[in-house]
């Protein structure tokens, strides 16, 4: 079983990567779809661009849903 610290570190590493939406790999798109409710819940008032959504998600990493955390971790493993 993954430790909470390992999972959090993986999430932070994944969220710290950059790239345009058009260049996202399929795994990153899956993460976006899985984390969509979390983004809407925690970051709906954050204007997109310049890494603001990513920063918002980092601020709420401990509060993200388990499916979102798992999707982030799986995408990080495939990088």
N, C-alpha and C. Protein backbone atom coordinates (compact mmCIF):
# COMPACT_ATOMS: atom_id res chain seq x y z
N UNK A 1 0.85 -1.18 0.00
CA UNK A 1 0.00 0.00 0.00
C UNK A 1 0.89 1.25 0.00
N UNK A 2 0.49 2.23 -0.71
CA UNK A 2 1.25 3.47 -0.79
C UNK A 2 1.13 4.25 0.52
N UNK A 3 2.23 4.82 0.94
CA UNK A 3 2.15 5.68 2.10
C UNK A 3 1.60 7.03 1.67
N UNK A 4 1.02 7.74 2.61
CA UNK A 4 0.43 9.04 2.30
C UNK A 4 1.49 10.02 1.81
N UNK A 5 2.68 9.98 2.41
CA UNK A 5 3.75 10.88 1.99
C UNK A 5 4.21 10.59 0.57
N UNK A 6 4.28 9.32 0.19
CA UNK A 6 4.68 8.95 -1.16
C UNK A 6 3.65 9.43 -2.17
N UNK A 7 2.38 9.24 -1.83
CA UNK A 7 1.31 9.68 -2.72
C UNK A 7 1.32 11.19 -2.88
N UNK A 8 1.49 11.91 -1.80
CA UNK A 8 1.52 13.37 -1.85
C UNK A 8 2.71 13.85 -2.68
N UNK A 9 3.86 13.21 -2.49
CA UNK A 9 5.05 13.58 -3.27
C UNK A 9 4.80 13.34 -4.76
N UNK A 10 4.15 12.23 -5.09
CA UNK A 10 3.85 11.93 -6.49
C UNK A 10 2.90 12.96 -7.08
N UNK A 11 1.89 13.33 -6.32
CA UNK A 11 0.94 14.34 -6.78
C UNK A 11 1.65 15.66 -7.04
N UNK A 12 2.50 16.07 -6.12
CA UNK A 12 3.22 17.33 -6.28
C UNK A 12 4.12 17.29 -7.50
N UNK A 13 4.81 16.16 -7.70
CA UNK A 13 5.66 16.04 -8.88
C UNK A 13 4.86 16.12 -10.17
N UNK A 14 3.72 15.45 -10.20
CA UNK A 14 2.90 15.49 -11.41
C UNK A 14 2.36 16.89 -11.65
N UNK A 15 1.90 17.54 -10.60
CA UNK A 15 1.34 18.87 -10.75
C UNK A 15 2.40 19.90 -11.10
N UNK A 16 3.66 19.60 -10.82
CA UNK A 16 4.71 20.57 -11.10
C UNK A 16 5.19 20.50 -12.55
N UNK A 17 4.77 19.48 -13.29
CA UNK A 17 5.16 19.43 -14.70
C UNK A 17 4.36 20.44 -15.48
N UNK A 18 4.93 20.94 -16.58
CA UNK A 18 4.22 21.93 -17.37
C UNK A 18 3.94 21.40 -18.77
N UNK A 19 3.13 22.10 -19.51
CA UNK A 19 2.82 21.73 -20.89
C UNK A 19 1.45 22.22 -21.27
N UNK A 20 1.28 22.49 -22.54
CA UNK A 20 -0.01 22.96 -23.03
C UNK A 20 -1.00 21.80 -23.08
N UNK A 21 -2.26 22.15 -22.99
CA UNK A 21 -3.33 21.14 -23.00
C UNK A 21 -3.27 20.29 -24.27
N UNK A 22 -2.99 20.89 -25.40
CA UNK A 22 -2.94 20.17 -26.67
C UNK A 22 -1.83 19.13 -26.68
N UNK A 23 -0.81 19.31 -25.86
CA UNK A 23 0.33 18.41 -25.85
C UNK A 23 0.25 17.38 -24.73
N UNK A 24 -0.84 17.39 -23.98
CA UNK A 24 -0.97 16.45 -22.88
C UNK A 24 -1.02 15.02 -23.39
N UNK A 25 -0.41 14.16 -22.67
CA UNK A 25 -0.52 12.75 -23.01
C UNK A 25 -1.88 12.23 -22.57
N UNK A 26 -2.23 11.08 -23.07
CA UNK A 26 -3.53 10.49 -22.75
C UNK A 26 -3.71 10.34 -21.24
N UNK A 27 -2.67 9.97 -20.53
CA UNK A 27 -2.76 9.82 -19.08
C UNK A 27 -3.11 11.12 -18.39
N UNK A 28 -2.54 12.21 -18.87
CA UNK A 28 -2.83 13.51 -18.27
C UNK A 28 -4.28 13.91 -18.54
N UNK A 29 -4.78 13.56 -19.73
CA UNK A 29 -6.18 13.84 -20.03
C UNK A 29 -7.10 13.05 -19.11
N UNK A 30 -6.72 11.80 -18.83
CA UNK A 30 -7.50 10.97 -17.92
C UNK A 30 -7.51 11.58 -16.52
N UNK A 31 -6.36 12.11 -16.11
CA UNK A 31 -6.28 12.77 -14.81
C UNK A 31 -7.22 13.98 -14.79
N UNK A 32 -7.17 14.76 -15.84
CA UNK A 32 -8.03 15.93 -15.91
C UNK A 32 -9.49 15.54 -15.77
N UNK A 33 -9.89 14.48 -16.48
CA UNK A 33 -11.28 14.03 -16.41
C UNK A 33 -11.63 13.53 -15.02
N UNK A 34 -10.75 12.75 -14.41
CA UNK A 34 -11.00 12.20 -13.08
C UNK A 34 -11.02 13.30 -12.02
N UNK A 35 -10.16 14.29 -12.17
CA UNK A 35 -10.03 15.35 -11.17
C UNK A 35 -10.96 16.54 -11.44
N UNK A 36 -11.74 16.45 -12.50
CA UNK A 36 -12.62 17.56 -12.84
C UNK A 36 -13.51 18.01 -11.67
N UNK A 37 -14.14 17.08 -10.93
CA UNK A 37 -14.96 17.52 -9.78
C UNK A 37 -14.13 18.23 -8.71
N UNK A 38 -12.90 17.76 -8.49
CA UNK A 38 -12.01 18.40 -7.50
C UNK A 38 -11.63 19.80 -7.96
N UNK A 39 -11.31 19.93 -9.24
CA UNK A 39 -10.96 21.24 -9.78
C UNK A 39 -12.15 22.18 -9.64
N UNK A 40 -13.35 21.68 -9.97
CA UNK A 40 -14.54 22.51 -9.86
C UNK A 40 -14.81 22.90 -8.40
N UNK A 41 -14.59 21.97 -7.49
CA UNK A 41 -14.86 22.23 -6.07
C UNK A 41 -13.85 23.20 -5.45
N UNK A 42 -12.59 22.95 -5.68
CA UNK A 42 -11.55 23.73 -5.00
C UNK A 42 -11.06 24.94 -5.78
N UNK A 43 -11.15 24.89 -7.10
CA UNK A 43 -10.48 25.91 -7.91
C UNK A 43 -11.40 26.60 -8.92
N UNK A 44 -12.70 26.54 -8.71
CA UNK A 44 -13.63 27.10 -9.70
C UNK A 44 -13.49 28.61 -9.86
N UNK A 45 -13.01 29.29 -8.85
CA UNK A 45 -12.87 30.74 -8.93
C UNK A 45 -11.49 31.17 -9.43
N UNK A 46 -10.64 30.20 -9.77
CA UNK A 46 -9.28 30.49 -10.23
C UNK A 46 -9.28 30.58 -11.75
N UNK A 47 -8.82 31.70 -12.29
CA UNK A 47 -8.77 31.81 -13.76
C UNK A 47 -7.67 30.89 -14.31
N UNK A 48 -7.97 30.16 -15.39
CA UNK A 48 -6.96 29.26 -15.96
C UNK A 48 -5.82 30.03 -16.62
N UNK A 49 -4.70 29.35 -16.73
CA UNK A 49 -3.52 29.92 -17.37
C UNK A 49 -2.42 30.22 -16.38
N UNK A 50 -1.21 30.22 -16.88
CA UNK A 50 -0.01 30.54 -16.10
C UNK A 50 0.13 29.69 -14.84
N UNK A 51 -0.36 28.46 -14.89
CA UNK A 51 -0.18 27.52 -13.78
C UNK A 51 -1.05 27.78 -12.56
N UNK A 52 -2.07 28.63 -12.69
CA UNK A 52 -2.89 28.97 -11.52
C UNK A 52 -3.73 27.79 -11.03
N UNK A 53 -4.30 27.00 -11.95
CA UNK A 53 -5.09 25.83 -11.54
C UNK A 53 -4.18 24.82 -10.87
N UNK A 54 -3.02 24.61 -11.45
CA UNK A 54 -2.03 23.68 -10.88
C UNK A 54 -1.66 24.10 -9.46
N UNK A 55 -1.42 25.38 -9.27
CA UNK A 55 -1.07 25.90 -7.94
C UNK A 55 -2.22 25.70 -6.96
N UNK A 56 -3.44 25.93 -7.43
CA UNK A 56 -4.61 25.73 -6.58
C UNK A 56 -4.72 24.26 -6.16
N UNK A 57 -4.52 23.35 -7.10
CA UNK A 57 -4.60 21.92 -6.78
C UNK A 57 -3.51 21.53 -5.78
N UNK A 58 -2.32 22.11 -5.93
CA UNK A 58 -1.25 21.83 -4.97
C UNK A 58 -1.65 22.29 -3.56
N UNK A 59 -2.31 23.44 -3.49
CA UNK A 59 -2.75 23.95 -2.18
C UNK A 59 -3.75 23.00 -1.52
N UNK A 60 -4.50 22.27 -2.31
CA UNK A 60 -5.56 21.40 -1.80
C UNK A 60 -5.22 19.92 -1.91
N UNK A 61 -3.96 19.60 -2.10
CA UNK A 61 -3.56 18.21 -2.34
C UNK A 61 -4.06 17.26 -1.25
N UNK A 62 -4.10 17.69 -0.01
CA UNK A 62 -4.55 16.83 1.09
C UNK A 62 -6.06 16.63 1.06
N UNK A 63 -6.78 17.48 0.35
CA UNK A 63 -8.24 17.42 0.32
C UNK A 63 -8.80 16.78 -0.95
N UNK A 64 -7.94 16.46 -1.91
CA UNK A 64 -8.41 15.88 -3.17
C UNK A 64 -9.06 14.53 -2.93
N UNK A 65 -10.00 14.18 -3.80
CA UNK A 65 -10.68 12.89 -3.68
C UNK A 65 -9.68 11.76 -3.94
N UNK A 66 -10.00 10.61 -3.41
CA UNK A 66 -9.11 9.45 -3.59
C UNK A 66 -8.97 9.09 -5.08
N UNK A 67 -10.06 9.11 -5.88
CA UNK A 67 -9.87 8.80 -7.31
C UNK A 67 -8.93 9.79 -8.00
N UNK A 68 -9.02 11.06 -7.64
CA UNK A 68 -8.14 12.06 -8.23
C UNK A 68 -6.69 11.80 -7.83
N UNK A 69 -6.46 11.56 -6.56
CA UNK A 69 -5.11 11.26 -6.10
C UNK A 69 -4.54 10.03 -6.79
N UNK A 70 -5.37 8.99 -6.94
CA UNK A 70 -4.91 7.76 -7.59
C UNK A 70 -4.60 8.01 -9.06
N UNK A 71 -5.44 8.78 -9.75
CA UNK A 71 -5.19 9.09 -11.16
C UNK A 71 -3.90 9.88 -11.30
N UNK A 72 -3.67 10.83 -10.42
CA UNK A 72 -2.43 11.61 -10.46
C UNK A 72 -1.23 10.71 -10.24
N UNK A 73 -1.34 9.80 -9.29
CA UNK A 73 -0.22 8.91 -8.99
C UNK A 73 0.04 7.97 -10.16
N UNK A 74 -1.00 7.42 -10.75
CA UNK A 74 -0.82 6.50 -11.89
C UNK A 74 -0.20 7.23 -13.08
N UNK A 75 -0.64 8.45 -13.34
CA UNK A 75 -0.05 9.23 -14.44
C UNK A 75 1.41 9.53 -14.16
N UNK A 76 1.73 9.82 -12.91
CA UNK A 76 3.12 10.10 -12.53
C UNK A 76 3.99 8.87 -12.76
N UNK A 77 3.46 7.68 -12.43
CA UNK A 77 4.22 6.45 -12.63
C UNK A 77 4.53 6.20 -14.10
N UNK A 78 3.65 6.62 -14.99
CA UNK A 78 3.82 6.37 -16.42
C UNK A 78 4.71 7.40 -17.11
N UNK A 79 5.13 8.44 -16.40
CA UNK A 79 5.98 9.47 -17.00
C UNK A 79 7.35 8.92 -17.26
